[in-house]
PDB file of N, CA and C in Angstrom:
ATOM      1  N   MET A   1      -9.423  -9.669   3.714  1.00  0.00           N
ATOM      2  CA  MET A   1      -8.679  -8.372   3.098  1.00  0.00           C
ATOM      3  C   MET A   1     -10.001  -8.035   3.014  1.00  0.00           C
ATOM      4  N   LYS A   2     -10.815  -7.798   2.173  1.00  0.00           N
ATOM      5  CA  LYS A   2     -12.026  -6.759   2.083  1.00  0.00           C
ATOM      6  C   LYS A   2     -11.737  -5.686   3.548  1.00  0.00           C
ATOM      7  N   GLN A   3     -12.979  -6.616   4.565  1.00  0.00           N
ATOM      8  CA  GLN A   3     -12.565  -5.464   5.686  1.00  0.00           C
ATOM      9  C   GLN A   3     -12.049  -4.941   6.225  1.00  0.00           C
ATOM     10  N   THR A   4     -10.631  -5.245   6.395  1.00  0.00           N
ATOM     11  CA  THR A   4      -9.398  -4.440   6.318  1.00  0.00           C
ATOM     12  C   THR A   4      -9.380  -2.800   4.819  1.00  0.00           C
ATOM     13  N   LEU A   5      -9.377  -3.345   3.949  1.00  0.00           N
ATOM     14  CA  LEU A   5      -9.141  -2.609   2.674  1.00  0.00           C
ATOM     15  C   LEU A   5     -10.582  -1.740   3.319  1.00  0.00           C
ATOM     16  N   GLU A   6     -11.727  -2.382   3.940  1.00  0.00           N
ATOM     17  CA  GLU A   6     -12.319  -0.839   3.804  1.00  0.00           C
ATOM     18  C   GLU A   6     -12.497  -0.618   5.186  1.00  0.00           C
ATOM     19  N   GLU A   7     -11.915  -1.026   6.125  1.00  0.00           N
ATOM     20  CA  GLU A   7     -11.520   0.420   6.616  1.00  0.00           C
ATOM     21  C   GLU A   7     -10.417   1.159   7.021  1.00  0.00           C
ATOM     22  N   ALA A   8      -9.872   0.743   5.508  1.00  0.00           N
ATOM     23  CA  ALA A   8      -8.359   1.713   5.040  1.00  0.00           C
ATOM     24  C   ALA A   8      -9.603   3.112   4.292  1.00  0.00           C
ATOM     25  N   LEU A   9     -10.047   2.380   4.370  1.00  0.00           N
ATOM     26  CA  LEU A   9     -10.932   3.286   2.916  1.00  0.00           C
ATOM     27  C   LEU A   9     -11.481   4.954   4.185  1.00  0.00           C
ATOM     28  N   LYS A  10     -11.964   4.292   5.088  1.00  0.00           N
ATOM     29  CA  LYS A  10     -11.867   5.161   6.405  1.00  0.00           C
ATOM     30  C   LYS A  10     -11.231   6.266   6.746  1.00  0.00           C
ATOM     31  N   ILE A  11      -9.603   6.482   6.226  1.00  0.00           N
ATOM     32  CA  ILE A  11      -9.110   7.097   6.498  1.00  0.00           C
ATOM     33  C   ILE A  11      -9.035   8.416   6.223  1.00  0.00           C
ATOM     34  N   ASP A  12      -8.976   9.229   6.612  1.00  0.00           N
ATOM     35  CA  ASP A  12      -9.414  11.146   5.428  1.00  0.00           C
ATOM     36  C   ASP A  12      -8.073  11.009   4.465  1.00  0.00           C
ATOM     37  N   GLY A  13      -8.892  11.505   3.651  1.00  0.00           N
ATOM     38  CA  GLY A  13      -8.375  11.569   2.777  1.00  0.00           C
ATOM     39  C   GLY A  13      -8.382   9.725   1.456  1.00  0.00           C
ATOM     40  N   ALA A  14      -8.496   8.865   2.208  1.00  0.00           N
ATOM     41  CA  ALA A  14      -8.232   7.608   1.497  1.00  0.00           C
ATOM     42  C   ALA A  14      -8.807   7.977   0.149  1.00  0.00           C
ATOM     43  N   ILE A  15      -8.441   7.144  -0.848  1.00  0.00           N
ATOM     44  CA  ILE A  15      -8.912   7.340  -2.248  1.00  0.00           C
ATOM     45  C   ILE A  15      -8.995   5.725  -2.903  1.00  0.00           C
ATOM     46  N   ALA A  16      -7.906   5.026  -2.175  1.00  0.00           N
ATOM     47  CA  ALA A  16      -8.474   3.717  -2.969  1.00  0.00           C
ATOM     48  C   ALA A  16      -7.086   2.781  -1.937  1.00  0.00           C
ATOM     49  N   ALA A  17      -7.814   1.547  -1.779  1.00  0.00           N
ATOM     50  CA  ALA A  17      -6.356   0.501  -1.280  1.00  0.00           C
ATOM     51  C   ALA A  17      -6.709  -0.413  -1.651  1.00  0.00           C
ATOM     52  N   ALA A  18      -5.415  -0.958  -1.629  1.00  0.00           N
ATOM     53  CA  ALA A  18      -4.900  -3.035  -2.076  1.00  0.00           C
ATOM     54  C   ALA A  18      -3.836  -3.416  -1.322  1.00  0.00           C
ATOM     55  N   ILE A  19      -4.398  -4.867  -1.816  1.00  0.00           N
ATOM     56  CA  ILE A  19      -3.388  -5.708  -1.028  1.00  0.00           C
ATOM     57  C   ILE A  19      -2.964  -6.435  -2.018  1.00  0.00           C
ATOM     58  N   ALA A  20      -1.780  -7.247  -2.847  1.00  0.00           N
ATOM     59  CA  ALA A  20      -1.739  -7.288  -3.424  1.00  0.00           C
ATOM     60  C   ALA A  20       0.906  -8.224  -3.559  1.00  0.00           C
ATOM     61  N   ASN A  21       0.524  -8.980  -3.936  1.00  0.00           N
ATOM     62  CA  ASN A  21       1.844  -9.608  -4.219  1.00  0.00           C
ATOM     63  C   ASN A  21       2.893  -9.151  -5.073  1.00  0.00           C
ATOM     64  N   TRP A  22       3.497  -8.861  -4.784  1.00  0.00           N
ATOM     65  CA  TRP A  22       4.414  -8.304  -5.343  1.00  0.00           C
ATOM     66  C   TRP A  22       5.444  -9.330  -6.067  1.00  0.00           C
ATOM     67  N   ASP A  23       5.348 -10.462  -5.506  1.00  0.00           N
ATOM     68  CA  ASP A  23       6.606 -11.522  -6.181  1.00  0.00           C
ATOM     69  C   ASP A  23       6.262 -11.975  -7.903  1.00  0.00           C
ATOM     70  N   ALA A  24       4.511 -12.432  -7.602  1.00  0.00           N
ATOM     71  CA  ALA A  24       3.418 -12.367  -8.462  1.00  0.00           C
ATOM     72  C   ALA A  24       2.777 -11.884 -10.136  1.00  0.00           C
ATOM     73  N   GLY A  25       3.114 -10.181  -9.027  1.00  0.00           N
ATOM     74  CA  GLY A  25       3.148  -8.708  -9.619  1.00  0.00           C
ATOM     75  C   GLY A  25       1.208  -8.980  -9.865  1.00  0.00           C
ATOM     76  N   LEU A  26       0.374  -9.192  -9.039  1.00  0.00           N
ATOM     77  CA  LEU A  26      -0.653  -9.622  -8.900  1.00  0.00           C
ATOM     78  C   LEU A  26      -1.576  -8.824  -7.300  1.00  0.00           C
ATOM     79  N   CYS A  27      -2.508  -8.179  -8.076  1.00  0.00           N
ATOM     80  CA  CYS A  27      -3.341  -7.363  -6.721  1.00  0.00           C
ATOM     81  C   CYS A  27      -4.444  -8.883  -6.447  1.00  0.00           C
ATOM     82  N   LEU A  28      -4.708  -8.780  -5.512  1.00  0.00           N
ATOM     83  CA  LEU A  28      -4.944  -9.558  -4.953  1.00  0.00           C
ATOM     84  C   LEU A  28      -6.399  -9.467  -3.850  1.00  0.00           C
ATOM     85  N   ALA A  29      -6.468  -7.967  -3.763  1.00  0.00           N
ATOM     86  CA  ALA A  29      -7.615  -7.701  -3.166  1.00  0.00           C
ATOM     87  C   ALA A  29      -7.712  -5.771  -3.711  1.00  0.00           C
ATOM     88  N   SER A  30      -8.727  -5.300  -3.356  1.00  0.00           N
ATOM     89  CA  SER A  30      -8.763  -3.876  -3.766  1.00  0.00           C
ATOM     90  C   SER A  30     -10.287  -2.966  -3.259  1.00  0.00           C
ATOM     91  N   ALA A  31     -10.167  -1.800  -2.831  1.00  0.00           N
ATOM     92  CA  ALA A  31     -11.134  -0.645  -2.991  1.00  0.00           C
ATOM     93  C   ALA A  31     -11.303   0.572  -2.616  1.00  0.00           C
ATOM     94  N   GLY A  32     -12.053   0.794  -3.302  1.00  0.00           N
ATOM     95  CA  GLY A  32     -11.822   2.059  -4.325  1.00  0.00           C
ATOM     96  C   GLY A  32     -11.616   2.686  -5.065  1.00  0.00           C
ATOM     97  N   GLY A  33     -11.292   3.855  -5.399  1.00  0.00           N
ATOM     98  CA  GLY A  33     -10.806   4.461  -6.518  1.00  0.00           C
ATOM     99  C   GLY A  33     -11.645   5.032  -7.683  1.00  0.00           C
ATOM    100  N   GLY A  34     -12.771   4.266  -7.738  1.00  0.00           N
ATOM    101  CA  GLY A  34     -13.714   4.988  -8.533  1.00  0.00           C
ATOM    102  C   GLY A  34     -12.954   5.143 -10.075  1.00  0.00           C
ATOM    103  N   SER A  35     -14.186   6.031 -10.492  1.00  0.00           N
ATOM    104  CA  SER A  35     -13.186   7.131 -11.581  1.00  0.00           C
ATOM    105  C   SER A  35     -12.519   7.429 -11.516  1.00  0.00           C
ATOM    106  N   ARG A  36     -12.002   7.776 -10.055  1.00  0.00           N
ATOM    107  CA  ARG A  36     -10.035   8.637 -10.018  1.00  0.00           C
ATOM    108  C   ARG A  36      -9.168   8.238 -10.210  1.00  0.00           C
ATOM    109  N   LEU A  37      -9.409   7.055  -9.553  1.00  0.00           N
ATOM    110  CA  LEU A  37      -8.218   5.801  -9.898  1.00  0.00           C
ATOM    111  C   LEU A  37      -8.446   4.368  -9.403  1.00  0.00           C
ATOM    112  N   ASN A  38      -7.785   3.551 -10.765  1.00  0.00           N
ATOM    113  CA  ASN A  38      -7.494   3.095 -11.015  1.00  0.00           C
ATOM    114  C   ASN A  38      -6.816   1.639 -10.166  1.00  0.00           C
ATOM    115  N   ILE A  39      -7.357   1.765  -8.893  1.00  0.00           N
ATOM    116  CA  ILE A  39      -6.061   0.722  -7.806  1.00  0.00           C
ATOM    117  C   ILE A  39      -5.950  -0.212  -8.013  1.00  0.00           C
ATOM    118  N   GLY A  40      -6.388  -1.443  -9.291  1.00  0.00           N
ATOM    119  CA  GLY A  40      -5.691  -2.411  -9.563  1.00  0.00           C
ATOM    120  C   GLY A  40      -4.530  -2.255 -10.161  1.00  0.00           C
ATOM    121  N   ALA A  41      -4.162  -1.132 -11.240  1.00  0.00           N
ATOM    122  CA  ALA A  41      -3.454  -1.080 -12.255  1.00  0.00           C
ATOM    123  C   ALA A  41      -2.596  -0.280 -11.436  1.00  0.00           C
ATOM    124  N   VAL A  42      -2.264   0.179 -10.722  1.00  0.00           N
ATOM    125  CA  VAL A  42      -1.786   1.307  -9.454  1.00  0.00           C
ATOM    126  C   VAL A  42      -1.131  -0.285  -8.738  1.00  0.00           C
ATOM    127  N   ALA A  43      -1.586  -0.559  -8.140  1.00  0.00           N
ATOM    128  CA  ALA A  43      -0.709  -2.003  -6.943  1.00  0.00           C
ATOM    129  C   ALA A  43      -0.014  -2.666  -8.175  1.00  0.00           C
ATOM    130  N   ALA A  44      -0.708  -3.593  -8.982  1.00  0.00           N
ATOM    131  CA  ALA A  44       0.066  -3.822 -10.250  1.00  0.00           C
ATOM    132  C   ALA A  44       1.720  -3.317 -10.596  1.00  0.00           C
ATOM    133  N   GLY A  45       1.670  -1.553 -11.118  1.00  0.00           N
ATOM    134  CA  GLY A  45       2.678  -0.839 -10.643  1.00  0.00           C
ATOM    135  C   GLY A  45       3.322  -0.881  -9.255  1.00  0.00           C
ATOM    136  N   HIS A  46       2.888  -1.330  -8.470  1.00  0.00           N
ATOM    137  CA  HIS A  46       3.830  -0.559  -7.453  1.00  0.00           C
ATOM    138  C   HIS A  46       4.489  -2.022  -7.253  1.00  0.00           C
ATOM    139  N   CYS A  47       4.226  -2.899  -7.628  1.00  0.00           N
ATOM    140  CA  CYS A  47       4.551  -4.574  -7.232  1.00  0.00           C
ATOM    141  C   CYS A  47       6.595  -4.268  -7.682  1.00  0.00           C
ATOM    142  N   GLN A  48       6.344  -3.325  -9.123  1.00  0.00           N
ATOM    143  CA  GLN A  48       7.533  -3.247  -9.414  1.00  0.00           C
ATOM    144  C   GLN A  48       8.111  -2.730  -8.902  1.00  0.00           C
ATOM    145  N   VAL A  49       8.313  -1.233  -7.814  1.00  0.00           N
ATOM    146  CA  VAL A  49       8.660  -0.651  -6.903  1.00  0.00           C
ATOM    147  C   VAL A  49       9.435  -1.757  -6.256  1.00  0.00           C
ATOM    148  N   MET A  50       8.098  -2.485  -5.667  1.00  0.00           N
ATOM    149  CA  MET A  50       8.538  -3.291  -4.350  1.00  0.00           C
ATOM    150  C   MET A  50       9.526  -4.434  -5.165  1.00  0.00           C
ATOM    151  N   LYS A  51       9.611  -5.173  -5.992  1.00  0.00           N
ATOM    152  CA  LYS A  51      10.347  -6.040  -6.528  1.00  0.00           C
ATOM    153  C   LYS A  51      11.860  -5.527  -6.459  1.00  0.00           C
ATOM    154  N   ALA A  52      12.325  -3.796  -7.372  1.00  0.00           N
ATOM    155  CA  ALA A  52      12.978  -3.487  -7.152  1.00  0.00           C
ATOM    156  C   ALA A  52      14.161  -2.827  -5.984  1.00  0.00           C
ATOM    157  N   ARG A  53      13.010  -2.461  -5.378  1.00  0.00           N
ATOM    158  CA  ARG A  53      12.985  -2.328  -3.868  1.00  0.00           C
ATOM    159  C   ARG A  53      14.074  -3.890  -3.535  1.00  0.00           C
ATOM    160  N   MET A  54      13.434  -4.916  -3.283  1.00  0.00           N
ATOM    161  CA  MET A  54      13.681  -6.639  -2.472  1.00  0.00           C
ATOM    162  C   MET A  54      14.770  -6.751  -3.246  1.00  0.00           C
ATOM    163  N   ALA A  55      14.869  -6.161  -4.181  1.00  0.00           N
ATOM    164  CA  ALA A  55      16.150  -7.071  -5.160  1.00  0.00           C
ATOM    165  C   ALA A  55      17.536  -5.838  -4.599  1.00  0.00           C
ATOM    166  N   SER A  56      17.320  -4.969  -4.824  1.00  0.00           N
ATOM    167  CA  SER A  56      18.428  -3.612  -3.748  1.00  0.00           C
ATOM    168  C   SER A  56      18.844  -4.539  -2.712  1.00  0.00           C
ATOM    169  N   ALA A  57      17.542  -5.253  -1.858  1.00  0.00           N
ATOM    170  CA  ALA A  57      17.933  -5.495  -0.403  1.00  0.00           C
ATOM    171  C   ALA A  57      18.449  -6.722  -0.307  1.00  0.00           C
ATOM    172  N   ALA A  58      18.422  -7.588  -1.007  1.00  0.00           N
ATOM    173  CA  ALA A  58      18.788  -8.764  -1.545  1.00  0.00           C
ATOM    174  C   ALA A  58      20.378  -8.204  -1.398  1.00  0.00           C
ATOM    175  N   ALA A  59      20.800  -7.144  -2.286  1.00  0.00           N
ATOM    176  CA  ALA A  59      21.980  -7.291  -2.810  1.00  0.00           C
ATOM    177  C   ALA A  59      22.825  -6.476  -1.810  1.00  0.00           C
ATOM    178  N   GLY A  60      22.645  -6.402  -0.692  1.00  0.00           N
ATOM    179  CA  GLY A  60      23.061  -5.778   0.404  1.00  0.00           C
ATOM    180  C   GLY A  60      23.161  -5.254   1.755  1.00  0.00           C
ATOM    181  N   THR A  61      21.355  -4.568   1.836  1.00  0.00           N
ATOM    182  CA  THR A  61      20.774  -3.842   2.557  1.00  0.00           C
ATOM    183  C   THR A  61      20.089  -4.924   3.295  1.00  0.00           C
ATOM    184  N   SER A  62      19.987  -5.130   4.625  1.00  0.00           N
ATOM    185  CA  SER A  62      19.904  -6.115   5.701  1.00  0.00           C
ATOM    186  C   SER A  62      18.947  -5.439   5.950  1.00  0.00           C
ATOM    187  N   ARG A  63      18.179  -3.810   6.307  1.00  0.00           N
ATOM    188  CA  ARG A  63      17.649  -3.420   6.914  1.00  0.00           C
ATOM    189  C   ARG A  63      15.357  -4.169   6.000  1.00  0.00           C
ATOM    190  N   ALA A  64      14.849  -3.630   7.395  1.00  0.00           N
ATOM    191  CA  ALA A  64      13.387  -4.742   6.767  1.00  0.00           C
ATOM    192  C   ALA A  64      12.895  -2.973   6.487  1.00  0.00           C
ATOM    193  N   ILE A  65      12.329  -2.911   5.549  1.00  0.00           N
ATOM    194  CA  ILE A  65      12.014  -2.040   4.751  1.00  0.00           C
ATOM    195  C   ILE A  65       9.864  -1.776   5.481  1.00  0.00           C
ATOM    196  N   ARG A  66       9.767  -0.593   6.270  1.00  0.00           N
ATOM    197  CA  ARG A  66       8.311  -0.401   6.800  1.00  0.00           C
ATOM    198  C   ARG A  66       7.181  -0.177   5.954  1.00  0.00           C
ATOM    199  N   GLU A  67       8.122   0.843   4.923  1.00  0.00           N
ATOM    200  CA  GLU A  67       6.917   1.849   4.040  1.00  0.00           C
ATOM    201  C   GLU A  67       8.339   2.396   2.605  1.00  0.00           C
ATOM    202  N   ILE A  68       7.427   2.039   2.010  1.00  0.00           N
ATOM    203  CA  ILE A  68       7.742   3.554   0.496  1.00  0.00           C
ATOM    204  C   ILE A  68       6.129   3.922   0.678  1.00  0.00           C
ATOM    205  N   LEU A  69       7.127   5.468   0.456  1.00  0.00           N
ATOM    206  CA  LEU A  69       6.005   6.711  -0.191  1.00  0.00           C
ATOM    207  C   LEU A  69       6.031   7.275  -1.226  1.00  0.00           C
ATOM    208  N   ILE A  70       4.956   7.138  -2.462  1.00  0.00           N
ATOM    209  CA  ILE A  70       5.746   7.708  -3.954  1.00  0.00           C
ATOM    210  C   ILE A  70       4.955   9.169  -3.831  1.00  0.00           C
ATOM    211  N   THR A  71       5.168  10.065  -3.619  1.00  0.00           N
ATOM    212  CA  THR A  71       4.192  11.381  -3.515  1.00  0.00           C
ATOM    213  C   THR A  71       4.445  12.264  -5.486  1.00  0.00           C
ATOM    214  N   LEU A  72       2.412  12.316  -5.369  1.00  0.00           N
ATOM    215  CA  LEU A  72       2.782  12.374  -6.400  1.00  0.00           C
ATOM    216  C   LEU A  72       2.443  14.493  -6.878  1.00  0.00           C
ATOM    217  N   ASP A  73       1.342  14.774  -7.698  1.00  0.00           N
ATOM    218  CA  ASP A  73       0.802  16.234  -7.772  1.00  0.00           C
ATOM    219  C   ASP A  73      -0.043  16.315  -6.342  1.00  0.00           C
ATOM    220  N   ASP A  74      -1.177  15.507  -6.633  1.00  0.00           N
ATOM    221  CA  ASP A  74      -2.143  15.367  -5.979  1.00  0.00           C
ATOM    222  C   ASP A  74      -2.358  14.195  -5.016  1.00  0.00           C
ATOM    223  N   GLN A  75      -1.924  13.581  -4.979  1.00  0.00           N
ATOM    224  CA  GLN A  75      -1.575  12.267  -4.046  1.00  0.00           C
ATOM    225  C   GLN A  75      -0.707  11.304  -3.460  1.00  0.00           C
ATOM    226  N   VAL A  76      -0.680  11.475  -2.289  1.00  0.00           N
ATOM    227  CA  VAL A  76       0.352   9.940  -1.840  1.00  0.00           C
ATOM    228  C   VAL A  76       0.334   8.724  -1.714  1.00  0.00           C
ATOM    229  N   HIS A  77       1.000   8.019  -2.550  1.00  0.00           N
ATOM    230  CA  HIS A  77       0.540   6.516  -2.357  1.00  0.00           C
ATOM    231  C   HIS A  77       2.017   5.844  -1.174  1.00  0.00           C
ATOM    232  N   LEU A  78       1.285   5.108   0.149  1.00  0.00           N
ATOM    233  CA  LEU A  78       1.581   4.755   0.839  1.00  0.00           C
ATOM    234  C   LEU A  78       1.831   2.655   0.485  1.00  0.00           C
ATOM    235  N   ILE A  79       3.159   2.552   0.723  1.00  0.00           N
ATOM    236  CA  ILE A  79       2.919   1.495   0.255  1.00  0.00           C
ATOM    237  C   ILE A  79       4.055   0.403   1.459  1.00  0.00           C
ATOM    238  N   ARG A  80       3.113  -0.712   2.356  1.00  0.00           N
ATOM    239  CA  ARG A  80       3.572  -1.502   3.422  1.00  0.00           C
ATOM    240  C   ARG A  80       3.786  -3.015   2.937  1.00  0.00           C
ATOM    241  N   PRO A  81       4.787  -2.919   2.728  1.00  0.00           N
ATOM    242  CA  PRO A  81       4.649  -5.026   2.846  1.00  0.00           C
ATOM    243  C   PRO A  81       4.227  -5.348   4.322  1.00  0.00           C
ATOM    244  N   LEU A  82       4.056  -6.660   4.265  1.00  0.00           N
ATOM    245  CA  LEU A  82       2.862  -7.141   5.138  1.00  0.00           C
ATOM    246  C   LEU A  82       4.154  -8.097   5.959  1.00  0.00           C
ATOM    247  N   ARG A  83       4.187  -7.868   7.374  1.00  0.00           N
ATOM    248  CA  ARG A  83       5.454  -8.318   7.957  1.00  0.00           C
ATOM    249  C   ARG A  83       5.122 -10.049   8.010  1.00  0.00           C
ATOM    250  N   ARG A  84       3.559 -10.360   8.304  1.00  0.00           N
ATOM    251  CA  ARG A  84       3.751 -11.737   8.389  1.00  0.00           C
ATOM    252  C   ARG A  84       3.454 -12.211   7.065  1.00  0.00           C
ATOM    253  N   ARG A  85       3.376 -11.942   5.908  1.00  0.00           N
ATOM    254  CA  ARG A  85       2.906 -12.310   4.968  1.00  0.00           C
ATOM    255  C   ARG A  85       4.248 -11.724   3.387  1.00  0.00           C
ATOM    256  N   GLU A  86       5.365 -12.548   3.350  1.00  0.00           N
ATOM    257  CA  GLU A  86       6.629 -12.013   2.794  1.00  0.00           C
ATOM    258  C   GLU A  86       6.814 -11.147   1.539  1.00  0.00           C
ATOM    259  N   ARG A  87       5.630 -11.695   0.728  1.00  0.00           N
ATOM    260  CA  ARG A  87       5.712 -11.013  -0.297  1.00  0.00           C
ATOM    261  C   ARG A  87       4.331 -10.482  -0.631  1.00  0.00           C
ATOM    262  N   LEU A  88       3.848 -10.196   0.025  1.00  0.00           N
ATOM    263  CA  LEU A  88       2.828  -9.118  -0.129  1.00  0.00           C
ATOM    264  C   LEU A  88       2.485  -7.803   0.288  1.00  0.00           C
ATOM    265  N   PHE A  89       2.139  -6.653   0.129  1.00  0.00           N
ATOM    266  CA  PHE A  89       2.165  -5.824   0.356  1.00  0.00           C
ATOM    267  C   PHE A  89       0.839  -4.566   0.099  1.00  0.00           C
ATOM    268  N   MET A  90       0.664  -3.704   1.254  1.00  0.00           N
ATOM    269  CA  MET A  90      -1.103  -3.640   1.181  1.00  0.00           C
ATOM    270  C   MET A  90      -0.279  -1.676   1.216  1.00  0.00           C
ATOM    271  N   CYS A  91      -1.077  -1.148  -0.537  1.00  0.00           N
ATOM    272  CA  CYS A  91      -0.631   0.305  -0.283  1.00  0.00           C
ATOM    273  C   CYS A  91      -2.298   0.573  -0.838  1.00  0.00           C
ATOM    274  N   LEU A  92      -2.047   2.430  -0.080  1.00  0.00           N
ATOM    275  CA  LEU A  92      -2.922   3.206   0.207  1.00  0.00           C
ATOM    276  C   LEU A  92      -2.842   4.571  -0.432  1.00  0.00           C
ATOM    277  N   ALA A  93      -3.378   4.767  -0.866  1.00  0.00           N
ATOM    278  CA  ALA A  93      -3.879   5.988  -2.232  1.00  0.00           C
ATOM    279  C   ALA A  93      -4.453   7.072  -1.516  1.00  0.00           C
ATOM    280  N   ILE A  94      -4.126   8.735  -1.288  1.00  0.00           N
ATOM    281  CA  ILE A  94      -4.313   9.586   0.079  1.00  0.00           C
ATOM    282  C   ILE A  94      -4.584  10.390  -1.063  1.00  0.00           C
ATOM    283  N   ASP A  95      -5.437  11.500  -0.630  1.00  0.00           N
ATOM    284  CA  ASP A  95      -6.110  12.639  -1.432  1.00  0.00           C
ATOM    285  C   ASP A  95      -4.704  13.808  -0.801  1.00  0.00           C
ATOM    286  N   LYS A  96      -3.663  14.797  -0.835  1.00  0.00           N
ATOM    287  CA  LYS A  96      -3.133  15.313  -0.389  1.00  0.00           C
ATOM    288  C   LYS A  96      -3.761  16.545   0.100  1.00  0.00           C
ATOM    289  N   SER A  97      -4.651  17.017  -0.017  1.00  0.00           N
ATOM    290  CA  SER A  97      -5.303  18.037   0.351  1.00  0.00           C
ATOM    291  C   SER A  97      -6.104  17.772   1.290  1.00  0.00           C
ATOM    292  N   THR A  98      -6.399  16.760   1.329  1.00  0.00           N
ATOM    293  CA  THR A  98      -7.726  16.057   2.696  1.00  0.00           C
ATOM    294  C   THR A  98      -7.231  15.468   3.291  1.00  0.00           C
ATOM    295  N   GLY A  99      -6.338  14.354   3.045  1.00  0.00           N
ATOM    296  CA  GLY A  99      -5.505  13.604   3.746  1.00  0.00           C
ATOM    297  C   GLY A  99      -5.064  13.933   4.654  1.00  0.00           C
ATOM    298  N   ASN A 100      -4.091  13.263   5.797  1.00  0.00           N
ATOM    299  CA  ASN A 100      -3.346  13.425   6.819  1.00  0.00           C
ATOM    300  C   ASN A 100      -1.988  12.710   6.960  1.00  0.00           C
ATOM    301  N   LEU A 101      -1.119  12.473   6.899  1.00  0.00           N
ATOM    302  CA  LEU A 101      -0.192  11.443   6.221  1.00  0.00           C
ATOM    303  C   LEU A 101       0.975  10.870   7.539  1.00  0.00           C
ATOM    304  N   GLY A 102       0.428  11.628   8.128  1.00  0.00           N
ATOM    305  CA  GLY A 102       0.872  10.869   9.539  1.00  0.00           C
ATOM    306  C   GLY A 102       0.059  10.181  10.180  1.00  0.00           C
ATOM    307  N   ILE A 103      -1.321  10.864  10.243  1.00  0.00           N
ATOM    308  CA  ILE A 103      -1.887   9.952  10.515  1.00  0.00           C
ATOM    309  C   ILE A 103      -2.304   8.515  10.055  1.00  0.00           C
ATOM    310  N   ALA A 104      -2.484   9.005   8.516  1.00  0.00           N
ATOM    311  CA  ALA A 104      -2.646   7.526   7.475  1.00  0.00           C
ATOM    312  C   ALA A 104      -1.425   6.205   7.545  1.00  0.00           C
ATOM    313  N   ARG A 105      -0.601   6.595   8.114  1.00  0.00           N
ATOM    314  CA  ARG A 105       0.908   6.270   8.035  1.00  0.00           C
ATOM    315  C   ARG A 105       0.492   4.422   9.423  1.00  0.00           C
ATOM    316  N   HIS A 106       0.204   5.896  10.729  1.00  0.00           N
ATOM    317  CA  HIS A 106      -0.262   5.647  11.407  1.00  0.00           C
ATOM    318  C   HIS A 106      -1.827   4.296  11.826  1.00  0.00           C
ATOM    319  N   ARG A 107      -2.512   4.436  11.232  1.00  0.00           N
ATOM    320  CA  ARG A 107      -4.238   3.783  10.894  1.00  0.00           C
ATOM    321  C   ARG A 107      -3.668   2.702   9.761  1.00  0.00           C
ATOM    322  N   LEU A 108      -3.022   2.456   9.130  1.00  0.00           N
ATOM    323  CA  LEU A 108      -2.224   1.849   7.975  1.00  0.00           C
ATOM    324  C   LEU A 108      -1.393   0.909   9.307  1.00  0.00           C
ATOM    325  N   GLN A 109      -0.431   1.358   9.904  1.00  0.00           N
ATOM    326  CA  GLN A 109       0.368   0.253  10.544  1.00  0.00           C
ATOM    327  C   GLN A 109      -0.943  -0.670  11.680  1.00  0.00           C
ATOM    328  N   GLY A 110      -1.648   0.676  12.177  1.00  0.00           N
ATOM    329  CA  GLY A 110      -2.468  -0.350  13.151  1.00  0.00           C
ATOM    330  C   GLY A 110      -3.433  -2.133  12.565  1.00  0.00           C
ATOM    331  N   LEU A 111      -3.965  -1.253  10.988  1.00  0.00           N
ATOM    332  CA  LEU A 111      -4.767  -2.183   9.924  1.00  0.00           C
ATOM    333  C   LEU A 111      -3.818  -3.118   9.994  1.00  0.00           C
ATOM    334  N   GLU A 112      -2.410  -3.188   9.147  1.00  0.00           N
ATOM    335  CA  GLU A 112      -1.488  -4.069   8.612  1.00  0.00           C
ATOM    336  C   GLU A 112      -1.677  -5.298  10.015  1.00  0.00           C
ATOM    337  N   ALA A 113      -1.774  -5.148  11.251  1.00  0.00           N
ATOM    338  CA  ALA A 113      -1.309  -5.490  12.495  1.00  0.00           C
ATOM    339  C   ALA A 113      -3.011  -6.480  12.785  1.00  0.00           C
ATOM    340  N   GLY A 114      -3.756  -5.701  12.277  1.00  0.00           N
ATOM    341  CA  GLY A 114      -5.214  -6.936  12.952  1.00  0.00           C
ATOM    342  C   GLY A 114      -5.946  -7.471  11.343  1.00  0.00           C
ATOM    343  N   LEU A 115      -4.168  -7.493  10.676  1.00  0.00           N
ATOM    344  CA  LEU A 115      -5.463  -7.811   9.110  1.00  0.00           C
ATOM    345  C   LEU A 115      -4.668  -9.577   9.501  1.00  0.00           C
ATOM    346  N   ASP A 116      -5.950 -10.682   9.369  1.00  0.00           N
ATOM    347  CA  ASP A 116      -5.997 -11.990   9.556  1.00  0.00           C
ATOM    348  C   ASP A 116      -5.715 -12.021   7.901  1.00  0.00           C
ATOM    349  N   MET A 117      -5.363 -13.266   8.173  1.00  0.00           N
ATOM    350  CA  MET A 117      -4.932 -13.857   6.287  1.00  0.00           C
ATOM    351  C   MET A 117      -5.003 -15.269   6.653  1.00  0.00           C
TER     352      MET A 117
END
């Protein structure tokens, strides 16, 4: 996990990355953030977003979630459920002024595919 998160930080504009268990509400691993962003707290908050989305999916939406985007004034948070790990997701915070959302989405998808847990 740590190596995957370190690779995520190499994405242009990356601020921080984490892997969390949405069902338990726990951040399992994180990288980056520093004084700009408490990625552990952010990932724990995103667990609530994932719980709500999964509850609505259970209520009748049968399509798989590829990713969720949360747009802030100066950041975009990409939340990507891990296909091989049912209750886990990866999140990446990128700076809106220095990052490229399309490239970040593509790279995150590749990192997920290569994640060995």
